[in-house]
């Protein structure tokens, strides 16, 4: 299970630039406004659609307007509600796939060189495993 501060960092970087996310995490008085929020749903990772994601963990980092914009973009993303493979960008709705327990991005097993799902409790993609 990821620590709350790690979850906050991961989720903030879905919606704002990494430097802005770092500033917000370091300084509790620094609030992210609507000009900082990614407005294109296609640029938001599919991970935001995961049922285990609790966006309210990052509410405190945003102004009222920033939070409203963020939730609007998430609602637009939910209307699309298609998970895609982080490797090949194709839909995974009917393919055998696995989700990274850190970044929550999906991958086809064949795209990551696996024939079967690992028997481990948690699985991490190459990017998350390396960091």
Protein backbone atom coordinates (compact mmCIF):
# COMPACT_ATOMS: atom_id res chain seq x y z
CA UNK A 1 0.00 0.00 0.00
CA UNK A 2 1.37 3.40 -0.94
CA UNK A 3 1.88 6.09 1.68
CA UNK A 4 -0.56 9.02 1.37
CA UNK A 5 2.20 11.48 0.41
CA UNK A 6 3.25 9.22 -2.48
CA UNK A 7 -0.36 8.93 -3.67
CA UNK A 8 -0.72 12.73 -3.51
CA UNK A 9 2.42 13.23 -5.59
CA UNK A 10 1.33 10.70 -8.22
CA UNK A 11 -2.18 12.15 -8.50
CA UNK A 12 -1.06 15.79 -8.60
CA UNK A 13 1.24 15.00 -11.53
CA UNK A 14 -1.78 13.71 -13.46
CA UNK A 15 -3.25 17.22 -13.49
CA UNK A 16 -0.39 19.72 -13.18
CA UNK A 17 3.24 20.08 -14.20
CA UNK A 18 5.68 18.09 -12.02
CA UNK A 19 7.38 21.28 -10.77
CA UNK A 20 4.04 22.77 -9.71
CA UNK A 21 3.12 19.53 -7.96
CA UNK A 22 6.42 19.61 -6.07
CA UNK A 23 5.84 23.24 -5.06
CA UNK A 24 2.36 22.45 -3.77
CA UNK A 25 3.65 19.47 -1.80
CA UNK A 26 6.46 21.49 -0.21
CA UNK A 27 4.48 24.61 0.64
CA UNK A 28 1.00 24.16 2.14
CA UNK A 29 0.17 27.79 1.30
CA UNK A 30 0.84 27.28 -2.40
CA UNK A 31 -2.51 26.52 -4.04
CA UNK A 32 -2.96 25.35 -7.60
CA UNK A 33 -5.43 27.44 -9.58
CA UNK A 34 -7.40 26.74 -12.75
CA UNK A 35 -4.57 28.08 -14.94
CA UNK A 36 -2.38 25.22 -13.66
CA UNK A 37 -4.83 22.37 -14.34
CA UNK A 38 -4.63 20.22 -17.47
CA UNK A 39 -7.89 20.87 -19.35
CA UNK A 40 -7.69 18.16 -22.02
CA UNK A 41 -9.12 14.83 -20.78
CA UNK A 42 -7.05 12.92 -23.34
CA UNK A 43 -3.90 14.17 -21.56
CA UNK A 44 -5.04 12.84 -18.17
CA UNK A 45 -3.83 9.28 -17.47
CA UNK A 46 -6.45 6.53 -17.51
CA UNK A 47 -5.43 5.80 -13.92
CA UNK A 48 -7.85 8.52 -12.80
CA UNK A 49 -10.67 6.15 -13.79
CA UNK A 50 -9.57 3.43 -11.38
CA UNK A 51 -12.20 2.72 -8.73
CA UNK A 52 -9.53 2.80 -6.00
CA UNK A 53 -8.48 6.37 -6.71
CA UNK A 54 -9.62 8.90 -4.12
CA UNK A 55 -9.10 12.33 -5.66
CA UNK A 56 -10.22 14.02 -2.46
CA UNK A 57 -6.73 13.30 -1.12
CA UNK A 58 -5.46 16.17 -3.31
CA UNK A 59 -8.34 18.61 -2.81
CA UNK A 60 -6.34 20.68 -0.28
CA UNK A 61 -3.76 21.60 -2.94
CA UNK A 62 -6.26 23.52 -5.11
CA UNK A 63 -8.19 26.76 -5.02
CA UNK A 64 -11.96 26.45 -5.35
CA UNK A 65 -11.77 27.30 -9.08
CA UNK A 66 -8.85 24.94 -9.62
CA UNK A 67 -10.72 22.07 -7.95
CA UNK A 68 -13.90 22.71 -9.95
CA UNK A 69 -11.95 22.60 -13.20
CA UNK A 70 -10.16 19.42 -12.15
CA UNK A 71 -13.44 17.66 -11.33
CA UNK A 72 -14.97 18.84 -14.63
CA UNK A 73 -12.03 17.37 -16.58
CA UNK A 74 -12.32 14.10 -14.64
CA UNK A 75 -16.04 13.91 -15.47
CA UNK A 76 -15.23 14.40 -19.15
CA UNK A 77 -12.62 11.64 -18.88
CA UNK A 78 -15.17 9.33 -17.21
CA UNK A 79 -17.54 9.78 -20.15
CA UNK A 80 -14.82 8.34 -22.40
CA UNK A 81 -14.03 5.62 -19.81
CA UNK A 82 -11.71 3.54 -21.95
CA UNK A 83 -8.52 2.16 -20.46
CA UNK A 84 -5.55 2.04 -22.80
CA UNK A 85 -2.25 0.22 -22.64
CA UNK A 86 0.59 2.50 -21.57
CA UNK A 87 2.90 0.74 -24.06
CA UNK A 88 0.87 0.53 -27.28
CA UNK A 89 -2.01 2.96 -26.54
CA UNK A 90 -4.64 0.45 -27.71
CA UNK A 91 -7.78 -0.29 -25.69
CA UNK A 92 -7.48 -3.02 -23.11
CA UNK A 93 -11.18 -3.59 -22.53
CA UNK A 94 -11.12 -7.18 -23.78
CA UNK A 95 -7.42 -7.98 -23.67
CA UNK A 96 -5.47 -9.68 -20.93
CA UNK A 97 -3.82 -6.83 -19.05
CA UNK A 98 -2.34 -5.84 -15.72
CA UNK A 99 -2.36 -2.60 -13.75
CA UNK A 100 0.68 -1.13 -11.99
CA UNK A 101 0.03 -0.88 -8.26
CA UNK A 102 1.94 2.41 -8.09
CA UNK A 103 0.95 4.56 -11.08
CA UNK A 104 -2.29 2.63 -11.84
CA UNK A 105 -1.55 2.54 -15.57
CA UNK A 106 -2.55 -0.55 -17.53
CA UNK A 107 -0.43 -2.71 -19.85
CA UNK A 108 -1.22 -5.64 -22.11
CA UNK A 109 0.68 -8.68 -20.87
CA UNK A 110 2.14 -9.20 -24.35
CA UNK A 111 3.35 -5.57 -24.49
CA UNK A 112 5.42 -6.07 -21.34
CA UNK A 113 6.69 -9.51 -22.34
CA UNK A 114 4.51 -11.63 -20.04
CA UNK A 115 2.35 -14.60 -20.97
CA UNK A 116 0.47 -14.79 -17.66
CA UNK A 117 -0.24 -12.44 -14.79
CA UNK A 118 2.42 -12.64 -12.07
CA UNK A 119 1.39 -14.48 -8.91
CA UNK A 120 2.69 -11.68 -6.69
CA UNK A 121 0.31 -9.59 -4.62
CA UNK A 122 1.60 -6.33 -6.14
CA UNK A 123 3.00 -5.63 -9.60
CA UNK A 124 4.95 -2.53 -10.69
CA UNK A 125 5.62 -1.41 -14.25
CA UNK A 126 9.22 -0.83 -15.35
CA UNK A 127 8.99 2.92 -14.79
CA UNK A 128 7.74 2.57 -11.21
CA UNK A 129 9.98 -0.38 -10.40
CA UNK A 130 13.03 1.64 -11.49
CA UNK A 131 12.15 4.63 -9.31
